[in-house]
Amino acid sequence: MRLYDYGPSPNCHKVRILLAQLGQDYERVPIDIFGGDTLTPDFLEKNSGLTTPVLEVEPGVYLPESGAILLYLAEGTEFLPDDRLERAQVHRWMMYEQARLFAIVGALRFFVLSGRLDPESAQARQQLRFSTAIVGQAEGHLASRDFFVADRYTVADIALYGYLQVAHEAGVEMESFPNVAAWLDRVREQPGHVADLEPYPENARVGEGQSIYDLVTVDS
């Protein structure tokens, strides 16, 4: 297996976590998404969406999208429940993660940290209110649970960890969410957990690199 990934991406980080916890051998291929690596014809053949991560499951067979990769890797393991309803709950929280955490919390974090959005702008403040409400939903769910599904650590927790671990970087006041904070600690304590998420480099800042994100403009 080969994993084409970007060190500062939580979407990529969660795949590395599961690969490590499965003890899966793989080759890691660093992709500089702000150095134009995803804009090449070669990468287009791997993922027409021009995003990371991409898992090459066998030579010439590519699987993009972090959620799809996690489910593929978790199939038949302890990380994905056999029970039909519990599996549906895993899917539910993984959909929540991509539709809300990644799309709103993750986007706010990226646009603010990369200088694409003024954190004091009306748009940023509105996105922060949305982000706080999203983390609040997770807080309520964890009020009577140690993990999100099936009373145990599953691939749903790995998926959610990706962006909940950096919600504070989007401006969310995590002191208000003790249940989420305790859950983050439980996830970090799992055997094989890897804490290798990197900070954004200088070329991630607006005007310093070349990527698909430079085609996106934000009215601040």
N, C-alpha and C. Protein backbone atom coordinates (compact mmCIF):
# COMPACT_ATOMS: atom_id res chain seq x y z
N MET A 1 0.83 -1.19 0.00
CA MET A 1 0.00 0.00 0.00
C MET A 1 0.87 1.25 0.00
N ARG A 2 0.34 2.29 -0.65
CA ARG A 2 0.96 3.60 -0.59
C ARG A 2 -0.08 4.61 -0.14
N LEU A 3 0.32 5.51 0.75
CA LEU A 3 -0.56 6.59 1.18
C LEU A 3 0.03 7.91 0.70
N TYR A 4 -0.71 8.57 -0.19
CA TYR A 4 -0.33 9.89 -0.65
C TYR A 4 -0.99 10.89 0.29
N ASP A 5 -0.18 11.58 1.09
CA ASP A 5 -0.80 12.42 2.11
C ASP A 5 0.00 13.69 2.37
N TYR A 6 -0.63 14.55 3.16
CA TYR A 6 -0.08 15.86 3.50
C TYR A 6 0.00 15.95 5.01
N GLY A 7 1.18 16.17 5.55
CA GLY A 7 1.41 16.11 6.99
C GLY A 7 0.52 16.98 7.85
N PRO A 8 0.19 18.22 7.45
CA PRO A 8 -0.65 19.08 8.29
C PRO A 8 -2.16 18.83 8.17
N SER A 9 -2.58 17.89 7.35
CA SER A 9 -4.01 17.66 7.14
C SER A 9 -4.59 16.69 8.15
N PRO A 10 -5.60 17.10 8.95
CA PRO A 10 -6.27 16.15 9.83
C PRO A 10 -6.93 15.00 9.08
N ASN A 11 -7.41 15.25 7.85
CA ASN A 11 -7.98 14.16 7.06
C ASN A 11 -6.94 13.08 6.79
N CYS A 12 -5.71 13.50 6.55
CA CYS A 12 -4.63 12.54 6.33
C CYS A 12 -4.17 11.92 7.66
N HIS A 13 -4.15 12.73 8.70
CA HIS A 13 -3.68 12.26 10.01
C HIS A 13 -4.51 11.07 10.49
N LYS A 14 -5.82 11.15 10.34
CA LYS A 14 -6.66 10.07 10.86
C LYS A 14 -6.41 8.76 10.12
N VAL A 15 -6.05 8.83 8.84
CA VAL A 15 -5.71 7.61 8.11
C VAL A 15 -4.41 7.03 8.64
N ARG A 16 -3.43 7.88 8.92
CA ARG A 16 -2.18 7.40 9.49
C ARG A 16 -2.40 6.76 10.86
N ILE A 17 -3.33 7.32 11.64
CA ILE A 17 -3.64 6.73 12.95
C ILE A 17 -4.15 5.31 12.78
N LEU A 18 -5.13 5.11 11.89
CA LEU A 18 -5.69 3.77 11.73
C LEU A 18 -4.67 2.80 11.16
N LEU A 19 -3.88 3.23 10.20
CA LEU A 19 -2.85 2.35 9.65
C LEU A 19 -1.88 1.90 10.75
N ALA A 20 -1.51 2.83 11.62
CA ALA A 20 -0.59 2.48 12.72
C ALA A 20 -1.25 1.52 13.70
N GLN A 21 -2.51 1.76 14.01
CA GLN A 21 -3.19 0.91 15.00
C GLN A 21 -3.52 -0.46 14.43
N LEU A 22 -3.59 -0.57 13.12
CA LEU A 22 -3.76 -1.88 12.47
C LEU A 22 -2.43 -2.60 12.31
N GLY A 23 -1.32 -1.89 12.50
CA GLY A 23 -0.03 -2.47 12.25
C GLY A 23 0.23 -2.73 10.78
N GLN A 24 -0.39 -1.92 9.92
CA GLN A 24 -0.32 -2.12 8.48
C GLN A 24 0.95 -1.49 7.90
N ASP A 25 1.72 -2.29 7.18
CA ASP A 25 2.88 -1.75 6.48
C ASP A 25 2.42 -0.97 5.26
N TYR A 26 3.01 0.18 5.04
CA TYR A 26 2.67 0.98 3.87
C TYR A 26 3.79 1.96 3.58
N GLU A 27 3.80 2.47 2.36
CA GLU A 27 4.75 3.50 1.98
C GLU A 27 4.05 4.84 2.03
N ARG A 28 4.61 5.76 2.75
CA ARG A 28 4.04 7.09 2.82
C ARG A 28 4.68 7.98 1.77
N VAL A 29 3.84 8.57 0.91
CA VAL A 29 4.33 9.44 -0.16
C VAL A 29 3.88 10.86 0.15
N PRO A 30 4.77 11.72 0.63
CA PRO A 30 4.38 13.10 0.97
C PRO A 30 3.94 13.88 -0.27
N ILE A 31 2.85 14.58 -0.14
CA ILE A 31 2.32 15.43 -1.21
C ILE A 31 2.25 16.85 -0.68
N ASP A 32 2.94 17.77 -1.34
CA ASP A 32 2.90 19.17 -0.94
C ASP A 32 1.75 19.84 -1.68
N ILE A 33 0.62 19.94 -1.02
CA ILE A 33 -0.57 20.43 -1.72
C ILE A 33 -0.46 21.92 -2.03
N PHE A 34 0.44 22.63 -1.35
CA PHE A 34 0.63 24.06 -1.65
C PHE A 34 1.87 24.29 -2.51
N GLY A 35 2.53 23.20 -2.86
CA GLY A 35 3.66 23.28 -3.78
C GLY A 35 3.27 22.84 -5.18
N GLY A 36 1.97 22.67 -5.39
CA GLY A 36 1.48 22.32 -6.71
C GLY A 36 1.46 20.83 -7.02
N ASP A 37 1.78 19.99 -6.01
CA ASP A 37 1.87 18.54 -6.28
C ASP A 37 0.55 17.92 -6.72
N THR A 38 -0.58 18.47 -6.26
CA THR A 38 -1.87 17.87 -6.64
C THR A 38 -2.39 18.39 -7.97
N LEU A 39 -1.68 19.34 -8.56
CA LEU A 39 -2.14 19.95 -9.80
C LEU A 39 -1.51 19.31 -11.04
N THR A 40 -0.74 18.26 -10.83
CA THR A 40 -0.05 17.60 -11.94
C THR A 40 -0.96 16.57 -12.63
N PRO A 41 -0.71 16.28 -13.90
CA PRO A 41 -1.47 15.23 -14.59
C PRO A 41 -1.36 13.88 -13.89
N ASP A 42 -0.18 13.60 -13.31
CA ASP A 42 0.00 12.33 -12.61
C ASP A 42 -0.94 12.20 -11.42
N PHE A 43 -1.07 13.28 -10.64
CA PHE A 43 -1.96 13.21 -9.48
C PHE A 43 -3.42 13.19 -9.92
N LEU A 44 -3.73 13.87 -10.99
CA LEU A 44 -5.11 13.87 -11.52
C LEU A 44 -5.57 12.45 -11.81
N GLU A 45 -4.66 11.61 -12.27
CA GLU A 45 -5.01 10.21 -12.55
C GLU A 45 -5.30 9.45 -11.26
N LYS A 46 -4.70 9.86 -10.18
CA LYS A 46 -4.92 9.20 -8.89
C LYS A 46 -6.21 9.67 -8.24
N ASN A 47 -6.50 10.96 -8.35
CA ASN A 47 -7.70 11.53 -7.74
C ASN A 47 -8.12 12.77 -8.51
N SER A 48 -9.22 12.67 -9.23
CA SER A 48 -9.69 13.81 -10.03
C SER A 48 -10.14 14.97 -9.16
N GLY A 49 -10.35 14.71 -7.85
CA GLY A 49 -10.71 15.78 -6.93
C GLY A 49 -9.52 16.62 -6.49
N LEU A 50 -8.30 16.14 -6.81
CA LEU A 50 -7.07 16.87 -6.51
C LEU A 50 -6.85 17.12 -5.03
N THR A 51 -7.28 16.18 -4.20
CA THR A 51 -7.14 16.31 -2.75
C THR A 51 -6.39 15.11 -2.17
N THR A 52 -5.92 15.28 -0.96
CA THR A 52 -5.34 14.19 -0.18
C THR A 52 -6.27 13.91 0.99
N PRO A 53 -6.22 12.68 1.54
CA PRO A 53 -5.34 11.56 1.20
C PRO A 53 -5.86 10.73 0.03
N VAL A 54 -4.94 9.95 -0.54
CA VAL A 54 -5.28 8.93 -1.53
C VAL A 54 -4.54 7.67 -1.13
N LEU A 55 -5.25 6.56 -1.05
CA LEU A 55 -4.63 5.28 -0.72
C LEU A 55 -4.52 4.44 -1.99
N GLU A 56 -3.32 4.04 -2.31
CA GLU A 56 -3.10 3.10 -3.41
C GLU A 56 -3.15 1.70 -2.81
N VAL A 57 -4.29 1.05 -2.96
CA VAL A 57 -4.51 -0.23 -2.27
C VAL A 57 -3.73 -1.36 -2.92
N GLU A 58 -3.47 -1.24 -4.20
CA GLU A 58 -2.59 -2.14 -4.94
C GLU A 58 -2.11 -1.34 -6.14
N PRO A 59 -1.06 -1.79 -6.81
CA PRO A 59 -0.51 -0.97 -7.89
C PRO A 59 -1.56 -0.52 -8.90
N GLY A 60 -1.70 0.80 -9.03
CA GLY A 60 -2.62 1.37 -10.01
C GLY A 60 -4.06 1.46 -9.58
N VAL A 61 -4.38 1.05 -8.34
CA VAL A 61 -5.76 1.11 -7.83
C VAL A 61 -5.79 2.13 -6.70
N TYR A 62 -6.51 3.22 -6.91
CA TYR A 62 -6.47 4.36 -5.99
C TYR A 62 -7.83 4.59 -5.33
N LEU A 63 -7.79 4.86 -4.03
CA LEU A 63 -9.00 5.16 -3.26
C LEU A 63 -8.82 6.52 -2.58
N PRO A 64 -9.55 7.56 -3.04
CA PRO A 64 -9.49 8.86 -2.38
C PRO A 64 -10.58 8.97 -1.31
N GLU A 65 -10.60 10.10 -0.63
CA GLU A 65 -11.57 10.46 0.42
C GLU A 65 -11.26 9.71 1.72
N SER A 66 -10.98 10.48 2.76
CA SER A 66 -10.55 9.91 4.03
C SER A 66 -11.57 8.95 4.63
N GLY A 67 -12.86 9.29 4.54
CA GLY A 67 -13.88 8.40 5.11
C GLY A 67 -13.93 7.06 4.41
N ALA A 68 -13.84 7.08 3.09
CA ALA A 68 -13.85 5.83 2.32
C ALA A 68 -12.62 4.99 2.66
N ILE A 69 -11.47 5.66 2.81
CA ILE A 69 -10.24 4.95 3.16
C ILE A 69 -10.36 4.31 4.54
N LEU A 70 -10.88 5.05 5.51
CA LEU A 70 -11.03 4.52 6.86
C LEU A 70 -11.94 3.30 6.87
N LEU A 71 -13.06 3.37 6.17
CA LEU A 71 -13.99 2.24 6.14
C LEU A 71 -13.38 1.04 5.43
N TYR A 72 -12.63 1.29 4.37
CA TYR A 72 -11.96 0.20 3.66
C TYR A 72 -10.98 -0.51 4.58
N LEU A 73 -10.16 0.27 5.27
CA LEU A 73 -9.15 -0.31 6.16
C LEU A 73 -9.77 -1.00 7.37
N ALA A 74 -10.87 -0.46 7.86
CA ALA A 74 -11.49 -0.99 9.09
C ALA A 74 -12.33 -2.23 8.85
N GLU A 75 -12.68 -2.50 7.60
CA GLU A 75 -13.53 -3.64 7.28
C GLU A 75 -12.92 -4.94 7.81
N GLY A 76 -13.74 -5.68 8.58
CA GLY A 76 -13.29 -6.96 9.11
C GLY A 76 -12.38 -6.86 10.32
N THR A 77 -12.26 -5.67 10.90
CA THR A 77 -11.42 -5.49 12.08
C THR A 77 -12.27 -5.06 13.28
N GLU A 78 -11.63 -4.97 14.43
CA GLU A 78 -12.32 -4.56 15.64
C GLU A 78 -12.78 -3.10 15.59
N PHE A 79 -12.27 -2.34 14.65
CA PHE A 79 -12.61 -0.92 14.56
C PHE A 79 -13.96 -0.65 13.90
N LEU A 80 -14.56 -1.68 13.31
CA LEU A 80 -15.86 -1.52 12.65
C LEU A 80 -16.81 -2.60 13.17
N PRO A 81 -17.88 -2.22 13.88
CA PRO A 81 -18.77 -3.21 14.49
C PRO A 81 -19.44 -4.11 13.46
N ASP A 82 -19.75 -5.33 13.89
CA ASP A 82 -20.49 -6.26 13.04
C ASP A 82 -21.99 -5.99 13.07
N ASP A 83 -22.47 -5.49 14.21
CA ASP A 83 -23.90 -5.24 14.35
C ASP A 83 -24.37 -4.19 13.34
N ARG A 84 -25.49 -4.47 12.69
CA ARG A 84 -25.97 -3.60 11.61
C ARG A 84 -26.26 -2.18 12.08
N LEU A 85 -26.93 -2.05 13.23
CA LEU A 85 -27.27 -0.73 13.73
C LEU A 85 -26.02 0.02 14.20
N GLU A 86 -25.11 -0.69 14.85
CA GLU A 86 -23.89 -0.04 15.30
C GLU A 86 -23.05 0.43 14.11
N ARG A 87 -23.03 -0.35 13.04
CA ARG A 87 -22.31 0.08 11.83
C ARG A 87 -22.97 1.33 11.24
N ALA A 88 -24.31 1.35 11.28
CA ALA A 88 -25.01 2.53 10.77
C ALA A 88 -24.68 3.76 11.62
N GLN A 89 -24.52 3.57 12.91
CA GLN A 89 -24.15 4.68 13.78
C GLN A 89 -22.72 5.16 13.48
N VAL A 90 -21.83 4.23 13.16
CA VAL A 90 -20.49 4.62 12.72
C VAL A 90 -20.59 5.49 11.48
N HIS A 91 -21.39 5.04 10.51
CA HIS A 91 -21.56 5.81 9.27
C HIS A 91 -22.17 7.17 9.56
N ARG A 92 -23.12 7.20 10.48
CA ARG A 92 -23.78 8.47 10.84
C ARG A 92 -22.76 9.49 11.33
N TRP A 93 -21.89 9.07 12.25
CA TRP A 93 -20.95 10.02 12.82
C TRP A 93 -19.84 10.37 11.84
N MET A 94 -19.52 9.47 10.95
CA MET A 94 -18.53 9.79 9.93
C MET A 94 -19.10 10.78 8.91
N MET A 95 -20.40 10.69 8.64
CA MET A 95 -21.04 11.68 7.77
C MET A 95 -21.10 13.04 8.46
N TYR A 96 -21.41 13.03 9.75
CA TYR A 96 -21.41 14.27 10.54
C TYR A 96 -20.02 14.91 10.51
N GLU A 97 -19.00 14.08 10.62
CA GLU A 97 -17.64 14.60 10.64
C GLU A 97 -17.29 15.33 9.35
N GLN A 98 -17.63 14.74 8.21
CA GLN A 98 -17.28 15.38 6.95
C GLN A 98 -18.20 16.56 6.62
N ALA A 99 -19.48 16.42 6.93
CA ALA A 99 -20.44 17.47 6.58
C ALA A 99 -20.36 18.67 7.50
N ARG A 100 -19.97 18.47 8.75
CA ARG A 100 -19.97 19.56 9.71
C ARG A 100 -18.57 19.90 10.22
N LEU A 101 -17.91 18.92 10.81
CA LEU A 101 -16.58 19.22 11.37
C LEU A 101 -15.60 19.65 10.29
N PHE A 102 -15.45 18.83 9.28
CA PHE A 102 -14.50 19.16 8.21
C PHE A 102 -14.93 20.40 7.44
N ALA A 103 -16.20 20.41 7.01
CA ALA A 103 -16.66 21.47 6.11
C ALA A 103 -16.78 22.82 6.80
N ILE A 104 -17.02 22.85 8.09
CA ILE A 104 -17.22 24.13 8.78
C ILE A 104 -16.07 24.43 9.74
N VAL A 105 -15.83 23.56 10.71
CA VAL A 105 -14.75 23.80 11.67
C VAL A 105 -13.40 23.75 10.97
N GLY A 106 -13.20 22.71 10.16
CA GLY A 106 -11.93 22.58 9.45
C GLY A 106 -11.69 23.72 8.48
N ALA A 107 -12.73 24.11 7.77
CA ALA A 107 -12.59 25.20 6.81
C ALA A 107 -12.25 26.51 7.51
N LEU A 108 -12.92 26.79 8.62
CA LEU A 108 -12.63 28.02 9.37
C LEU A 108 -11.18 28.02 9.83
N ARG A 109 -10.74 26.92 10.39
CA ARG A 109 -9.34 26.81 10.84
C ARG A 109 -8.38 27.09 9.70
N PHE A 110 -8.61 26.45 8.57
CA PHE A 110 -7.69 26.62 7.44
C PHE A 110 -7.67 28.06 6.93
N PHE A 111 -8.85 28.64 6.71
CA PHE A 111 -8.90 29.98 6.14
C PHE A 111 -8.32 31.03 7.08
N VAL A 112 -8.49 30.83 8.39
CA VAL A 112 -7.92 31.78 9.35
C VAL A 112 -6.41 31.59 9.47
N LEU A 113 -5.94 30.35 9.64
CA LEU A 113 -4.52 30.11 9.84
C LEU A 113 -3.70 30.43 8.59
N SER A 114 -4.32 30.31 7.43
CA SER A 114 -3.58 30.58 6.19
C SER A 114 -3.71 32.03 5.73
N GLY A 115 -4.39 32.85 6.51
CA GLY A 115 -4.52 34.26 6.17
C GLY A 115 -5.53 34.57 5.09
N ARG A 116 -6.39 33.60 4.81
CA ARG A 116 -7.39 33.81 3.78
C ARG A 116 -8.68 34.44 4.32
N LEU A 117 -8.79 34.51 5.65
CA LEU A 117 -9.98 35.07 6.27
C LEU A 117 -9.59 35.80 7.55
N ASP A 118 -10.06 37.02 7.69
CA ASP A 118 -9.82 37.81 8.90
C ASP A 118 -10.65 37.23 10.04
N PRO A 119 -10.02 36.76 11.12
CA PRO A 119 -10.78 36.16 12.22
C PRO A 119 -11.77 37.10 12.88
N GLU A 120 -11.60 38.42 12.66
CA GLU A 120 -12.51 39.39 13.24
C GLU A 120 -13.64 39.78 12.28
N SER A 121 -13.64 39.22 11.10
CA SER A 121 -14.67 39.54 10.11
C SER A 121 -16.02 38.95 10.52
N ALA A 122 -17.09 39.51 9.96
CA ALA A 122 -18.43 39.01 10.26
C ALA A 122 -18.57 37.55 9.82
N GLN A 123 -17.99 37.21 8.69
CA GLN A 123 -18.10 35.83 8.20
C GLN A 123 -17.40 34.86 9.14
N ALA A 124 -16.20 35.24 9.61
CA ALA A 124 -15.46 34.37 10.52
C ALA A 124 -16.20 34.20 11.84
N ARG A 125 -16.77 35.29 12.35
CA ARG A 125 -17.50 35.20 13.62
C ARG A 125 -18.74 34.32 13.48
N GLN A 126 -19.41 34.41 12.33
CA GLN A 126 -20.56 33.55 12.10
C GLN A 126 -20.13 32.08 12.01
N GLN A 127 -19.05 31.82 11.29
CA GLN A 127 -18.54 30.46 11.17
C GLN A 127 -18.10 29.92 12.53
N LEU A 128 -17.59 30.78 13.38
CA LEU A 128 -17.19 30.35 14.72
C LEU A 128 -18.41 29.97 15.54
N ARG A 129 -19.51 30.71 15.40
CA ARG A 129 -20.73 30.34 16.11
C ARG A 129 -21.22 28.98 15.64
N PHE A 130 -21.19 28.75 14.33
CA PHE A 130 -21.57 27.44 13.80
C PHE A 130 -20.64 26.35 14.35
N SER A 131 -19.34 26.63 14.35
CA SER A 131 -18.35 25.66 14.81
C SER A 131 -18.56 25.30 16.27
N THR A 132 -18.85 26.30 17.08
CA THR A 132 -19.09 26.07 18.50
C THR A 132 -20.32 25.19 18.71
N ALA A 133 -21.36 25.43 17.93
CA ALA A 133 -22.57 24.61 18.03
C ALA A 133 -22.29 23.17 17.61
N ILE A 134 -21.46 23.00 16.60
CA ILE A 134 -21.12 21.65 16.12
C ILE A 134 -20.36 20.87 17.19
N VAL A 135 -19.39 21.51 17.82
CA VAL A 135 -18.66 20.84 18.89
C VAL A 135 -19.60 20.58 20.07
N GLY A 136 -20.56 21.48 20.27
CA GLY A 136 -21.54 21.28 21.33
C GLY A 136 -22.38 20.04 21.12
N GLN A 137 -22.67 19.69 19.88
CA GLN A 137 -23.42 18.46 19.61
C GLN A 137 -22.61 17.24 20.05
N ALA A 138 -21.32 17.24 19.76
CA ALA A 138 -20.47 16.15 20.20
C ALA A 138 -20.38 16.11 21.72
N GLU A 139 -20.31 17.28 22.36
CA GLU A 139 -20.26 17.37 23.81
C GLU A 139 -21.47 16.70 24.45
N GLY A 140 -22.66 16.98 23.92
CA GLY A 140 -23.87 16.39 24.47
C GLY A 140 -23.90 14.88 24.29
N HIS A 141 -23.45 14.41 23.14
CA HIS A 141 -23.45 12.96 22.89
C HIS A 141 -22.51 12.24 23.83
N LEU A 142 -21.41 12.88 24.19
CA LEU A 142 -20.41 12.24 25.04
C LEU A 142 -20.70 12.40 26.53
N ALA A 143 -21.80 13.03 26.86
CA ALA A 143 -22.13 13.25 28.27
C ALA A 143 -22.30 11.94 29.03
N SER A 144 -22.77 10.90 28.35
CA SER A 144 -23.00 9.61 29.01
C SER A 144 -22.24 8.48 28.32
N ARG A 145 -21.21 8.82 27.54
CA ARG A 145 -20.46 7.81 26.79
C ARG A 145 -18.97 8.12 26.83
N ASP A 146 -18.17 7.07 26.80
CA ASP A 146 -16.73 7.24 26.67
C ASP A 146 -16.31 7.39 25.22
N PHE A 147 -17.06 6.74 24.31
CA PHE A 147 -16.77 6.80 22.89
C PHE A 147 -18.07 7.01 22.13
N PHE A 148 -17.96 7.29 20.84
CA PHE A 148 -19.14 7.70 20.09
C PHE A 148 -20.12 6.58 19.78
N VAL A 149 -19.63 5.37 19.55
CA VAL A 149 -20.49 4.27 19.10
C VAL A 149 -20.12 2.99 19.84
N ALA A 150 -21.13 2.20 20.18
CA ALA A 150 -20.94 0.82 20.65
C ALA A 150 -20.16 0.71 21.96
N ASP A 151 -20.08 1.81 22.72
CA ASP A 151 -19.40 1.79 24.01
C ASP A 151 -17.94 1.37 23.91
N ARG A 152 -17.34 1.60 22.75
CA ARG A 152 -15.93 1.26 22.59
C ARG A 152 -15.32 2.10 21.47
N TYR A 153 -14.02 2.06 21.40
CA TYR A 153 -13.26 2.81 20.40
C TYR A 153 -13.46 2.18 19.02
N THR A 154 -13.92 3.00 18.07
CA THR A 154 -14.15 2.51 16.71
C THR A 154 -13.57 3.50 15.70
N VAL A 155 -13.72 3.16 14.44
CA VAL A 155 -13.25 4.05 13.38
C VAL A 155 -13.99 5.38 13.39
N ALA A 156 -15.18 5.40 13.98
CA ALA A 156 -15.90 6.68 14.12
C ALA A 156 -15.11 7.64 14.99
N ASP A 157 -14.52 7.15 16.06
CA ASP A 157 -13.72 8.01 16.93
C ASP A 157 -12.48 8.53 16.20
N ILE A 158 -11.87 7.68 15.40
CA ILE A 158 -10.70 8.12 14.64
C ILE A 158 -11.08 9.23 13.67
N ALA A 159 -12.22 9.03 12.98
CA ALA A 159 -12.68 10.04 12.02
C ALA A 159 -12.96 11.37 12.71
N LEU A 160 -13.66 11.32 13.82
CA LEU A 160 -14.04 12.55 14.53
C LEU A 160 -12.83 13.23 15.17
N TYR A 161 -11.87 12.43 15.57
CA TYR A 161 -10.67 13.00 16.20
C TYR A 161 -9.94 13.95 15.26
N GLY A 162 -9.98 13.65 13.97
CA GLY A 162 -9.24 14.45 13.00
C GLY A 162 -9.41 15.94 13.19
N TYR A 163 -10.65 16.41 13.22
CA TYR A 163 -10.88 17.86 13.31
C TYR A 163 -11.28 18.34 14.70
N LEU A 164 -11.78 17.46 15.57
CA LEU A 164 -12.04 17.91 16.94
C LEU A 164 -10.73 18.23 17.66
N GLN A 165 -9.65 17.56 17.29
CA GLN A 165 -8.37 17.84 17.95
C GLN A 165 -7.85 19.25 17.65
N VAL A 166 -8.32 19.85 16.55
CA VAL A 166 -7.82 21.18 16.17
C VAL A 166 -8.91 22.25 16.22
N ALA A 167 -10.06 21.93 16.81
CA ALA A 167 -11.15 22.90 16.86
C ALA A 167 -10.73 24.17 17.57
N HIS A 168 -9.83 24.05 18.54
CA HIS A 168 -9.36 25.26 19.25
C HIS A 168 -8.61 26.20 18.31
N GLU A 169 -7.99 25.64 17.27
CA GLU A 169 -7.27 26.48 16.32
C GLU A 169 -8.22 27.28 15.44
N ALA A 170 -9.48 26.84 15.39
CA ALA A 170 -10.50 27.60 14.67
C ALA A 170 -11.12 28.67 15.55
N GLY A 171 -10.72 28.69 16.84
CA GLY A 171 -11.24 29.68 17.77
C GLY A 171 -12.27 29.15 18.73
N VAL A 172 -12.62 27.86 18.65
CA VAL A 172 -13.60 27.28 19.56
C VAL A 172 -13.00 27.21 20.96
N GLU A 173 -13.74 27.70 21.94
CA GLU A 173 -13.26 27.69 23.33
C GLU A 173 -13.52 26.31 23.93
N MET A 174 -12.53 25.45 23.86
CA MET A 174 -12.71 24.05 24.25
C MET A 174 -12.89 23.87 25.75
N GLU A 175 -12.57 24.91 26.55
CA GLU A 175 -12.81 24.79 27.99
C GLU A 175 -14.30 24.61 28.28
N SER A 176 -15.14 25.01 27.34
CA SER A 176 -16.58 24.87 27.51
C SER A 176 -17.07 23.46 27.22
N PHE A 177 -16.16 22.58 26.77
CA PHE A 177 -16.57 21.24 26.35
C PHE A 177 -15.72 20.17 27.03
N PRO A 178 -15.93 19.97 28.34
CA PRO A 178 -15.10 19.01 29.09
C PRO A 178 -15.27 17.57 28.63
N ASN A 179 -16.45 17.21 28.15
CA ASN A 179 -16.66 15.83 27.69
C ASN A 179 -15.83 15.55 26.44
N VAL A 180 -15.79 16.51 25.54
CA VAL A 180 -14.97 16.36 24.34
C VAL A 180 -13.49 16.31 24.72
N ALA A 181 -13.08 17.16 25.65
CA ALA A 181 -11.68 17.18 26.07
C ALA A 181 -11.27 15.84 26.67
N ALA A 182 -12.15 15.25 27.50
CA ALA A 182 -11.84 13.95 28.11
C ALA A 182 -11.78 12.86 27.05
N TRP A 183 -12.70 12.95 26.09
CA TRP A 183 -12.69 11.98 24.98
C TRP A 183 -11.41 12.10 24.15
N LEU A 184 -10.97 13.32 23.86
CA LEU A 184 -9.73 13.51 23.12
C LEU A 184 -8.57 12.81 23.83
N ASP A 185 -8.53 12.93 25.16
CA ASP A 185 -7.48 12.25 25.92
C ASP A 185 -7.60 10.74 25.79
N ARG A 186 -8.83 10.21 25.83
CA ARG A 186 -9.01 8.76 25.70
C ARG A 186 -8.54 8.27 24.33
N VAL A 187 -8.82 9.04 23.30
CA VAL A 187 -8.37 8.65 21.97
C VAL A 187 -6.85 8.64 21.90
N ARG A 188 -6.21 9.66 22.46
CA ARG A 188 -4.75 9.74 22.43
C ARG A 188 -4.10 8.60 23.21
N GLU A 189 -4.84 8.04 24.18
CA GLU A 189 -4.30 6.96 25.00
C GLU A 189 -4.44 5.58 24.37
N GLN A 190 -5.11 5.49 23.23
CA GLN A 190 -5.30 4.20 22.57
C GLN A 190 -3.97 3.65 22.06
N PRO A 191 -3.78 2.33 22.17
CA PRO A 191 -2.52 1.74 21.70
C PRO A 191 -2.26 2.05 20.23
N GLY A 192 -1.04 2.44 19.94
CA GLY A 192 -0.66 2.70 18.56
C GLY A 192 -0.99 4.08 18.05
N HIS A 193 -1.58 4.93 18.89
CA HIS A 193 -1.93 6.27 18.43
C HIS A 193 -0.68 7.02 18.01
N VAL A 194 -0.78 7.74 16.90
CA VAL A 194 0.34 8.55 16.43
C VAL A 194 -0.04 10.02 16.47
N ALA A 195 0.79 10.81 17.11
CA ALA A 195 0.55 12.25 17.24
C ALA A 195 1.53 12.99 16.33
N ASP A 196 1.31 12.85 15.03
CA ASP A 196 2.28 13.41 14.08
C ASP A 196 1.68 14.47 13.16
N LEU A 197 0.58 15.09 13.59
CA LEU A 197 0.00 16.17 12.79
C LEU A 197 0.95 17.36 12.78
N GLU A 198 1.27 17.85 11.60
CA GLU A 198 2.23 18.92 11.46
C GLU A 198 1.53 20.27 11.34
N PRO A 199 2.19 21.37 11.71
CA PRO A 199 1.62 22.70 11.50
C PRO A 199 1.68 23.08 10.02
N TYR A 200 0.83 24.01 9.61
CA TYR A 200 0.89 24.49 8.23
C TYR A 200 2.23 25.19 7.99
N PRO A 201 2.87 24.90 6.86
CA PRO A 201 4.11 25.60 6.52
C PRO A 201 3.82 26.97 5.93
N GLU A 202 4.86 27.72 5.68
CA GLU A 202 4.70 29.08 5.18
C GLU A 202 4.00 29.12 3.83
N ASN A 203 4.24 28.09 2.98
CA ASN A 203 3.65 28.15 1.64
C ASN A 203 2.15 27.88 1.63
N ALA A 204 1.58 27.58 2.81
CA ALA A 204 0.13 27.43 2.89
C ALA A 204 -0.58 28.78 2.98
N ARG A 205 0.18 29.82 3.28
CA ARG A 205 -0.42 31.13 3.42
C ARG A 205 -0.79 31.69 2.05
N VAL A 206 -1.84 32.49 2.05
CA VAL A 206 -2.35 33.05 0.81
C VAL A 206 -1.23 33.78 0.07
N GLY A 207 -1.12 33.49 -1.22
CA GLY A 207 -0.12 34.14 -2.06
C GLY A 207 1.25 33.51 -2.02
N GLU A 208 1.46 32.50 -1.16
CA GLU A 208 2.79 31.91 -1.01
C GLU A 208 2.94 30.57 -1.73
N GLY A 209 1.84 30.00 -2.22
CA GLY A 209 1.92 28.69 -2.83
C GLY A 209 1.02 28.58 -4.04
N GLN A 210 0.88 27.34 -4.51
CA GLN A 210 0.04 27.07 -5.67
C GLN A 210 -0.77 25.81 -5.40
N SER A 211 -2.09 25.96 -5.28
CA SER A 211 -2.95 24.82 -4.98
C SER A 211 -4.36 25.11 -5.44
N ILE A 212 -5.23 24.09 -5.31
CA ILE A 212 -6.63 24.31 -5.67
C ILE A 212 -7.28 25.32 -4.75
N TYR A 213 -6.73 25.52 -3.56
CA TYR A 213 -7.31 26.46 -2.61
C TYR A 213 -7.08 27.91 -3.03
N ASP A 214 -6.10 28.12 -3.89
CA ASP A 214 -5.86 29.47 -4.37
C ASP A 214 -6.91 29.89 -5.40
N LEU A 215 -7.74 28.94 -5.83
CA LEU A 215 -8.84 29.26 -6.71
C LEU A 215 -10.08 29.67 -5.93
N VAL A 216 -10.02 29.47 -4.59
CA VAL A 216 -11.15 29.78 -3.72
C VAL A 216 -10.94 31.15 -3.10
N THR A 217 -11.89 32.03 -3.25
CA THR A 217 -11.79 33.34 -2.63
C THR A 217 -12.81 33.45 -1.51
N VAL A 218 -12.43 34.17 -0.48
CA VAL A 218 -13.30 34.36 0.67
C VAL A 218 -13.50 35.85 0.87
N ASP A 219 -14.73 36.27 0.94
CA ASP A 219 -15.05 37.68 1.19
C ASP A 219 -14.95 37.95 2.68
N SER A 220 -13.91 38.65 3.08
CA SER A 220 -13.70 38.92 4.50
C SER A 220 -14.19 40.31 4.87
